[in-house]
């Protein structure tokens, strides 16, 4: 039992004012595993700095999240 508690404590990280299992601290958009203290947040939700946070919440314009941007979301095209 003691080993299990030690393992759980080693896998626990504190971020955004709460405890997370290390693999559960992920970017809300791309699901990349994040490191506590080195990620962005919006409304208490974690995001990676680049590209997700900038794309979703940064200024819009060429190359920073709008038309003509190199950061993009894949578009699903439906054929009939």
PDB file of N, CA and C in Angstrom:
ATOM      1  N   UNK A   1       0.823  -1.197   0.000  1.00  0.00           N
ATOM      2  CA  UNK A   1       0.000   0.000   0.000  1.00  0.00           C
ATOM      3  C   UNK A   1       0.869   1.263   0.000  1.00  0.00           C
ATOM      4  N   UNK A   2       1.973   1.220   0.739  1.00  0.00           N
ATOM      5  CA  UNK A   2       2.839   2.385   0.823  1.00  0.00           C
ATOM      6  C   UNK A   2       3.457   2.707  -0.538  1.00  0.00           C
ATOM      7  N   UNK A   3       3.845   1.678  -1.294  1.00  0.00           N
ATOM      8  CA  UNK A   3       4.421   1.899  -2.625  1.00  0.00           C
ATOM      9  C   UNK A   3       3.432   2.589  -3.547  1.00  0.00           C
ATOM     10  N   UNK A   4       2.182   2.171  -3.495  1.00  0.00           N
ATOM     11  CA  UNK A   4       1.149   2.776  -4.345  1.00  0.00           C
ATOM     12  C   UNK A   4       1.002   4.260  -4.014  1.00  0.00           C
ATOM     13  N   UNK A   5       0.997   4.599  -2.731  1.00  0.00           N
ATOM     14  CA  UNK A   5       0.883   5.998  -2.317  1.00  0.00           C
ATOM     15  C   UNK A   5       2.101   6.799  -2.767  1.00  0.00           C
ATOM     16  N   UNK A   6       3.293   6.209  -2.680  1.00  0.00           N
ATOM     17  CA  UNK A   6       4.505   6.892  -3.133  1.00  0.00           C
ATOM     18  C   UNK A   6       4.466   7.127  -4.637  1.00  0.00           C
ATOM     19  N   UNK A   7       3.995   6.125  -5.376  1.00  0.00           N
ATOM     20  CA  UNK A   7       3.899   6.260  -6.834  1.00  0.00           C
ATOM     21  C   UNK A   7       2.898   7.354  -7.201  1.00  0.00           C
ATOM     22  N   UNK A   8       1.735   7.366  -6.549  1.00  0.00           N
ATOM     23  CA  UNK A   8       0.730   8.390  -6.823  1.00  0.00           C
ATOM     24  C   UNK A   8       1.264   9.781  -6.504  1.00  0.00           C
ATOM     25  N   UNK A   9       2.008   9.918  -5.417  1.00  0.00           N
ATOM     26  CA  UNK A   9       2.576  11.216  -5.047  1.00  0.00           C
ATOM     27  C   UNK A   9       3.609  11.665  -6.079  1.00  0.00           C
ATOM     28  N   UNK A  10       4.378  10.732  -6.621  1.00  0.00           N
ATOM     29  CA  UNK A  10       5.393  11.072  -7.622  1.00  0.00           C
ATOM     30  C   UNK A  10       4.755  11.485  -8.942  1.00  0.00           C
ATOM     31  N   UNK A  11       3.571  10.962  -9.252  1.00  0.00           N
ATOM     32  CA  UNK A  11       2.898  11.270 -10.510  1.00  0.00           C
ATOM     33  C   UNK A  11       1.985  12.487 -10.408  1.00  0.00           C
ATOM     34  N   UNK A  12       1.873  13.066  -9.215  1.00  0.00           N
ATOM     35  CA  UNK A  12       0.981  14.201  -9.007  1.00  0.00           C
ATOM     36  C   UNK A  12       1.716  15.509  -9.284  1.00  0.00           C
ATOM     37  N   UNK A  13       1.053  16.424 -10.003  1.00  0.00           N
ATOM     38  CA  UNK A  13       1.607  17.756 -10.237  1.00  0.00           C
ATOM     39  C   UNK A  13       0.550  18.788  -9.861  1.00  0.00           C
ATOM     40  N   UNK A  14       1.013  19.952  -9.414  1.00  0.00           N
ATOM     41  CA  UNK A  14       0.111  21.034  -9.030  1.00  0.00           C
ATOM     42  C   UNK A  14       0.131  22.081 -10.130  1.00  0.00           C
ATOM     43  N   UNK A  15      -1.049  22.427 -10.642  1.00  0.00           N
ATOM     44  CA  UNK A  15      -1.154  23.451 -11.669  1.00  0.00           C
ATOM     45  C   UNK A  15      -2.565  24.013 -11.653  1.00  0.00           C
ATOM     46  N   UNK A  16      -2.687  25.296 -11.917  1.00  0.00           N
ATOM     47  CA  UNK A  16      -3.982  25.983 -11.946  1.00  0.00           C
ATOM     48  C   UNK A  16      -4.746  25.814 -10.634  1.00  0.00           C
ATOM     49  N   UNK A  17      -3.994  25.728  -9.534  1.00  0.00           N
ATOM     50  CA  UNK A  17      -4.608  25.661  -8.217  1.00  0.00           C
ATOM     51  C   UNK A  17      -5.191  24.315  -7.841  1.00  0.00           C
ATOM     52  N   UNK A  18      -4.833  23.274  -8.570  1.00  0.00           N
ATOM     53  CA  UNK A  18      -5.333  21.944  -8.214  1.00  0.00           C
ATOM     54  C   UNK A  18      -4.306  20.882  -8.558  1.00  0.00           C
ATOM     55  N   UNK A  19      -4.513  19.683  -8.048  1.00  0.00           N
ATOM     56  CA  UNK A  19      -3.620  18.559  -8.322  1.00  0.00           C
ATOM     57  C   UNK A  19      -4.068  17.828  -9.585  1.00  0.00           C
ATOM     58  N   UNK A  20      -3.088  17.394 -10.371  1.00  0.00           N
ATOM     59  CA  UNK A  20      -3.349  16.650 -11.604  1.00  0.00           C
ATOM     60  C   UNK A  20      -2.498  15.388 -11.593  1.00  0.00           C
ATOM     61  N   UNK A  21      -2.979  14.311 -12.197  1.00  0.00           N
ATOM     62  CA  UNK A  21      -2.091  13.209 -12.547  1.00  0.00           C
ATOM     63  C   UNK A  21      -1.238  13.753 -13.685  1.00  0.00           C
ATOM     64  N   UNK A  22       0.032  13.473 -13.674  1.00  0.00           N
ATOM     65  CA  UNK A  22       0.936  14.022 -14.697  1.00  0.00           C
ATOM     66  C   UNK A  22       0.401  13.812 -16.121  1.00  0.00           C
ATOM     67  N   UNK A  23      -0.071  12.617 -16.504  1.00  0.00           N
ATOM     68  CA  UNK A  23      -0.558  12.458 -17.883  1.00  0.00           C
ATOM     69  C   UNK A  23      -1.897  13.148 -18.156  1.00  0.00           C
ATOM     70  N   UNK A  24      -2.593  13.591 -17.130  1.00  0.00           N
ATOM     71  CA  UNK A  24      -3.904  14.243 -17.325  1.00  0.00           C
ATOM     72  C   UNK A  24      -3.791  15.746 -17.573  1.00  0.00           C
ATOM     73  N   UNK A  25      -2.632  16.332 -17.304  1.00  0.00           N
ATOM     74  CA  UNK A  25      -2.437  17.764 -17.552  1.00  0.00           C
ATOM     75  C   UNK A  25      -2.119  17.931 -19.030  1.00  0.00           C
ATOM     76  N   UNK A  26      -3.160  18.158 -19.829  1.00  0.00           N
ATOM     77  CA  UNK A  26      -3.047  18.207 -21.288  1.00  0.00           C
ATOM     78  C   UNK A  26      -3.674  19.473 -21.840  1.00  0.00           C
ATOM     79  N   UNK A  27      -3.193  19.884 -23.005  1.00  0.00           N
ATOM     80  CA  UNK A  27      -3.777  21.017 -23.718  1.00  0.00           C
ATOM     81  C   UNK A  27      -5.206  20.658 -24.123  1.00  0.00           C
ATOM     82  N   UNK A  28      -6.124  21.551 -23.838  1.00  0.00           N
ATOM     83  CA  UNK A  28      -7.529  21.323 -24.149  1.00  0.00           C
ATOM     84  C   UNK A  28      -7.763  21.163 -25.653  1.00  0.00           C
ATOM     85  N   UNK A  29      -6.938  21.802 -26.475  1.00  0.00           N
ATOM     86  CA  UNK A  29      -7.153  21.794 -27.928  1.00  0.00           C
ATOM     87  C   UNK A  29      -6.421  20.649 -28.630  1.00  0.00           C
ATOM     88  N   UNK A  30      -5.120  20.510 -28.400  1.00  0.00           N
ATOM     89  CA  UNK A  30      -4.337  19.507 -29.144  1.00  0.00           C
ATOM     90  C   UNK A  30      -4.027  18.259 -28.316  1.00  0.00           C
ATOM     91  N   UNK A  31      -4.316  18.295 -27.017  1.00  0.00           N
ATOM     92  CA  UNK A  31      -4.142  17.162 -26.100  1.00  0.00           C
ATOM     93  C   UNK A  31      -2.684  16.793 -25.835  1.00  0.00           C
ATOM     94  N   UNK A  32      -1.755  17.715 -26.122  1.00  0.00           N
ATOM     95  CA  UNK A  32      -0.344  17.493 -25.807  1.00  0.00           C
ATOM     96  C   UNK A  32      -0.172  17.533 -24.289  1.00  0.00           C
ATOM     97  N   UNK A  33       0.619  16.617 -23.724  1.00  0.00           N
ATOM     98  CA  UNK A  33       0.891  16.617 -22.291  1.00  0.00           C
ATOM     99  C   UNK A  33       1.708  17.852 -21.940  1.00  0.00           C
ATOM    100  N   UNK A  34       1.296  18.550 -20.888  1.00  0.00           N
ATOM    101  CA  UNK A  34       1.921  19.814 -20.497  1.00  0.00           C
ATOM    102  C   UNK A  34       2.745  19.647 -19.230  1.00  0.00           C
ATOM    103  N   UNK A  35       3.644  20.577 -19.004  1.00  0.00           N
ATOM    104  CA  UNK A  35       4.455  20.622 -17.798  1.00  0.00           C
ATOM    105  C   UNK A  35       3.883  21.692 -16.879  1.00  0.00           C
ATOM    106  N   UNK A  36       3.718  21.365 -15.618  1.00  0.00           N
ATOM    107  CA  UNK A  36       3.166  22.325 -14.658  1.00  0.00           C
ATOM    108  C   UNK A  36       4.003  23.590 -14.637  1.00  0.00           C
ATOM    109  N   UNK A  37       3.340  24.734 -14.699  1.00  0.00           N
ATOM    110  CA  UNK A  37       4.013  26.018 -14.629  1.00  0.00           C
ATOM    111  C   UNK A  37       4.554  26.540 -15.949  1.00  0.00           C
ATOM    112  N   UNK A  38       4.479  25.744 -17.005  1.00  0.00           N
ATOM    113  CA  UNK A  38       5.007  26.219 -18.290  1.00  0.00           C
ATOM    114  C   UNK A  38       3.966  26.069 -19.398  1.00  0.00           C
ATOM    115  N   UNK A  39       2.747  26.427 -19.065  1.00  0.00           N
ATOM    116  CA  UNK A  39       1.679  26.382 -20.053  1.00  0.00           C
ATOM    117  C   UNK A  39       0.765  27.575 -19.843  1.00  0.00           C
ATOM    118  N   UNK A  40      -0.079  27.829 -20.802  1.00  0.00           N
ATOM    119  CA  UNK A  40      -1.039  28.928 -20.699  1.00  0.00           C
ATOM    120  C   UNK A  40      -2.349  28.393 -20.127  1.00  0.00           C
ATOM    121  N   UNK A  41      -3.217  29.307 -19.699  1.00  0.00           N
ATOM    122  CA  UNK A  41      -4.544  28.908 -19.245  1.00  0.00           C
ATOM    123  C   UNK A  41      -5.546  29.976 -19.626  1.00  0.00           C
ATOM    124  N   UNK A  42      -6.767  29.545 -19.831  1.00  0.00           N
ATOM    125  CA  UNK A  42      -7.868  30.454 -20.127  1.00  0.00           C
ATOM    126  C   UNK A  42      -9.094  29.903 -19.425  1.00  0.00           C
ATOM    127  N   UNK A  43      -9.686  30.697 -18.545  1.00  0.00           N
ATOM    128  CA  UNK A  43     -10.844  30.267 -17.747  1.00  0.00           C
ATOM    129  C   UNK A  43     -10.565  28.974 -16.979  1.00  0.00           C
ATOM    130  N   UNK A  44      -9.342  28.842 -16.465  1.00  0.00           N
ATOM    131  CA  UNK A  44      -8.985  27.682 -15.657  1.00  0.00           C
ATOM    132  C   UNK A  44      -8.697  26.414 -16.445  1.00  0.00           C
ATOM    133  N   UNK A  45      -8.612  26.528 -17.764  1.00  0.00           N
ATOM    134  CA  UNK A  45      -8.361  25.373 -18.628  1.00  0.00           C
ATOM    135  C   UNK A  45      -6.954  25.490 -19.214  1.00  0.00           C
ATOM    136  N   UNK A  46      -6.151  24.408 -19.178  1.00  0.00           N
ATOM    137  CA  UNK A  46      -4.781  24.485 -19.688  1.00  0.00           C
ATOM    138  C   UNK A  46      -4.696  24.404 -21.213  1.00  0.00           C
ATOM    139  N   UNK A  47      -3.744  25.157 -21.776  1.00  0.00           N
ATOM    140  CA  UNK A  47      -3.447  25.145 -23.210  1.00  0.00           C
ATOM    141  C   UNK A  47      -1.937  25.239 -23.384  1.00  0.00           C
ATOM    142  N   UNK A  48      -1.394  24.651 -24.447  1.00  0.00           N
ATOM    143  CA  UNK A  48       0.018  24.882 -24.755  1.00  0.00           C
ATOM    144  C   UNK A  48       0.126  26.310 -25.303  1.00  0.00           C
ATOM    145  N   UNK A  49       1.273  26.954 -25.059  1.00  0.00           N
ATOM    146  CA  UNK A  49       1.450  28.342 -25.497  1.00  0.00           C
ATOM    147  C   UNK A  49       1.374  28.459 -27.012  1.00  0.00           C
ATOM    148  N   UNK A  50       2.149  27.617 -27.699  1.00  0.00           N
ATOM    149  CA  UNK A  50       2.235  27.686 -29.158  1.00  0.00           C
ATOM    150  C   UNK A  50       1.909  26.305 -29.702  1.00  0.00           C
ATOM    151  N   UNK A  51       0.979  26.163 -30.574  1.00  0.00           N
ATOM    152  CA  UNK A  51       0.219  27.225 -31.214  1.00  0.00           C
ATOM    153  C   UNK A  51      -1.154  27.469 -30.598  1.00  0.00           C
ATOM    154  N   UNK A  52      -1.619  26.600 -29.719  1.00  0.00           N
ATOM    155  CA  UNK A  52      -3.038  26.593 -29.345  1.00  0.00           C
ATOM    156  C   UNK A  52      -3.532  27.862 -28.662  1.00  0.00           C
ATOM    157  N   UNK A  53      -2.859  28.300 -27.584  1.00  0.00           N
ATOM    158  CA  UNK A  53      -3.344  29.483 -26.876  1.00  0.00           C
ATOM    159  C   UNK A  53      -3.339  30.705 -27.787  1.00  0.00           C
ATOM    160  N   UNK A  54      -2.247  30.911 -28.506  1.00  0.00           N
ATOM    161  CA  UNK A  54      -2.159  32.048 -29.421  1.00  0.00           C
ATOM    162  C   UNK A  54      -3.207  31.990 -30.511  1.00  0.00           C
ATOM    163  N   UNK A  55      -3.449  30.808 -31.028  1.00  0.00           N
ATOM    164  CA  UNK A  55      -4.434  30.637 -32.094  1.00  0.00           C
ATOM    165  C   UNK A  55      -5.843  30.968 -31.598  1.00  0.00           C
ATOM    166  N   UNK A  56      -6.181  30.466 -30.419  1.00  0.00           N
ATOM    167  CA  UNK A  56      -7.540  30.644 -29.906  1.00  0.00           C
ATOM    168  C   UNK A  56      -7.796  32.019 -29.304  1.00  0.00           C
ATOM    169  N   UNK A  57      -6.813  32.576 -28.595  1.00  0.00           N
ATOM    170  CA  UNK A  57      -7.073  33.770 -27.798  1.00  0.00           C
ATOM    171  C   UNK A  57      -6.178  34.959 -28.131  1.00  0.00           C
ATOM    172  N   UNK A  58      -5.220  34.781 -29.032  1.00  0.00           N
ATOM    173  CA  UNK A  58      -4.313  35.865 -29.389  1.00  0.00           C
ATOM    174  C   UNK A  58      -4.918  36.791 -30.427  1.00  0.00           C
ATOM    175  N   UNK A  59      -4.171  37.839 -30.791  1.00  0.00           N
ATOM    176  CA  UNK A  59      -4.657  38.776 -31.812  1.00  0.00           C
ATOM    177  C   UNK A  59      -4.787  38.072 -33.155  1.00  0.00           C
ATOM    178  N   UNK A  60      -5.698  38.538 -33.977  1.00  0.00           N
ATOM    179  CA  UNK A  60      -5.936  37.931 -35.284  1.00  0.00           C
ATOM    180  C   UNK A  60      -5.250  38.747 -36.375  1.00  0.00           C
ATOM    181  N   UNK A  61      -4.816  38.082 -37.407  1.00  0.00           N
ATOM    182  CA  UNK A  61      -4.144  38.721 -38.533  1.00  0.00           C
ATOM    183  C   UNK A  61      -3.253  37.724 -39.228  1.00  0.00           C
ATOM    184  N   UNK A  62      -2.536  38.146 -40.229  1.00  0.00           N
ATOM    185  CA  UNK A  62      -1.676  37.245 -40.987  1.00  0.00           C
ATOM    186  C   UNK A  62      -0.617  36.625 -40.076  1.00  0.00           C
ATOM    187  N   UNK A  63      -0.482  35.331 -40.155  1.00  0.00           N
ATOM    188  CA  UNK A  63       0.478  34.513 -39.402  1.00  0.00           C
ATOM    189  C   UNK A  63       0.269  34.506 -37.891  1.00  0.00           C
ATOM    190  N   UNK A  64      -0.868  34.984 -37.414  1.00  0.00           N
ATOM    191  CA  UNK A  64      -1.132  34.881 -35.978  1.00  0.00           C
ATOM    192  C   UNK A  64      -2.541  34.395 -35.696  1.00  0.00           C
ATOM    193  N   UNK A  65      -3.116  33.621 -36.593  1.00  0.00           N
ATOM    194  CA  UNK A  65      -4.357  32.953 -36.261  1.00  0.00           C
ATOM    195  C   UNK A  65      -5.545  33.265 -37.134  1.00  0.00           C
ATOM    196  N   UNK A  66      -5.394  34.004 -38.226  1.00  0.00           N
ATOM    197  CA  UNK A  66      -6.545  34.322 -39.058  1.00  0.00           C
ATOM    198  C   UNK A  66      -6.244  33.932 -40.502  1.00  0.00           C
ATOM    199  N   UNK A  67      -6.896  34.556 -41.448  1.00  0.00           N
ATOM    200  CA  UNK A  67      -6.721  34.241 -42.862  1.00  0.00           C
ATOM    201  C   UNK A  67      -5.253  34.380 -43.249  1.00  0.00           C
ATOM    202  N   UNK A  68      -4.729  33.415 -43.974  1.00  0.00           N
ATOM    203  CA  UNK A  68      -3.335  33.454 -44.395  1.00  0.00           C
ATOM    204  C   UNK A  68      -2.371  32.982 -43.331  1.00  0.00           C
ATOM    205  N   UNK A  69      -2.872  32.378 -42.308  1.00  0.00           N
ATOM    206  CA  UNK A  69      -2.047  31.951 -41.186  1.00  0.00           C
ATOM    207  C   UNK A  69      -1.427  30.586 -41.451  1.00  0.00           C
ATOM    208  N   UNK A  70      -0.213  30.391 -40.990  1.00  0.00           N
ATOM    209  CA  UNK A  70       0.416  29.086 -41.108  1.00  0.00           C
ATOM    210  C   UNK A  70      -0.073  28.133 -40.026  1.00  0.00           C
ATOM    211  N   UNK A  71      -0.774  28.647 -39.024  1.00  0.00           N
ATOM    212  CA  UNK A  71      -1.374  27.823 -37.982  1.00  0.00           C
ATOM    213  C   UNK A  71      -2.797  27.531 -38.432  1.00  0.00           C
ATOM    214  N   UNK A  72      -3.138  26.287 -38.552  1.00  0.00           N
ATOM    215  CA  UNK A  72      -4.461  25.972 -39.079  1.00  0.00           C
ATOM    216  C   UNK A  72      -5.059  24.752 -38.399  1.00  0.00           C
ATOM    217  N   UNK A  73      -6.352  24.646 -38.520  1.00  0.00           N
ATOM    218  CA  UNK A  73      -7.065  23.448 -38.110  1.00  0.00           C
ATOM    219  C   UNK A  73      -7.388  22.670 -39.372  1.00  0.00           C
ATOM    220  N   UNK A  74      -7.254  21.356 -39.357  1.00  0.00           N
ATOM    221  CA  UNK A  74      -7.619  20.597 -40.541  1.00  0.00           C
ATOM    222  C   UNK A  74      -9.116  20.739 -40.817  1.00  0.00           C
ATOM    223  N   UNK A  75      -9.448  20.849 -42.067  1.00  0.00           N
ATOM    224  CA  UNK A  75     -10.842  21.002 -42.472  1.00  0.00           C
ATOM    225  C   UNK A  75     -11.314  19.671 -43.028  1.00  0.00           C
ATOM    226  N   UNK A  76     -12.455  19.212 -42.547  1.00  0.00           N
ATOM    227  CA  UNK A  76     -13.024  17.966 -43.045  1.00  0.00           C
ATOM    228  C   UNK A  76     -13.978  18.299 -44.181  1.00  0.00           C
ATOM    229  N   UNK A  77     -13.697  17.764 -45.347  1.00  0.00           N
ATOM    230  CA  UNK A  77     -14.531  18.010 -46.514  1.00  0.00           C
ATOM    231  C   UNK A  77     -15.390  16.777 -46.749  1.00  0.00           C
ATOM    232  N   UNK A  78     -16.686  16.991 -46.870  1.00  0.00           N
ATOM    233  CA  UNK A  78     -17.609  15.882 -47.114  1.00  0.00           C
ATOM    234  C   UNK A  78     -17.979  15.861 -48.588  1.00  0.00           C
ATOM    235  N   UNK A  79     -17.787  14.717 -49.205  1.00  0.00           N
ATOM    236  CA  UNK A  79     -18.164  14.536 -50.604  1.00  0.00           C
ATOM    237  C   UNK A  79     -19.445  13.723 -50.665  1.00  0.00           C
ATOM    238  N   UNK A  80     -20.293  14.072 -51.617  1.00  0.00           N
ATOM    239  CA  UNK A  80     -21.554  13.326 -51.767  1.00  0.00           C
ATOM    240  C   UNK A  80     -21.377  12.153 -52.689  1.00  0.00           C
TER     241      UNK A  80
END
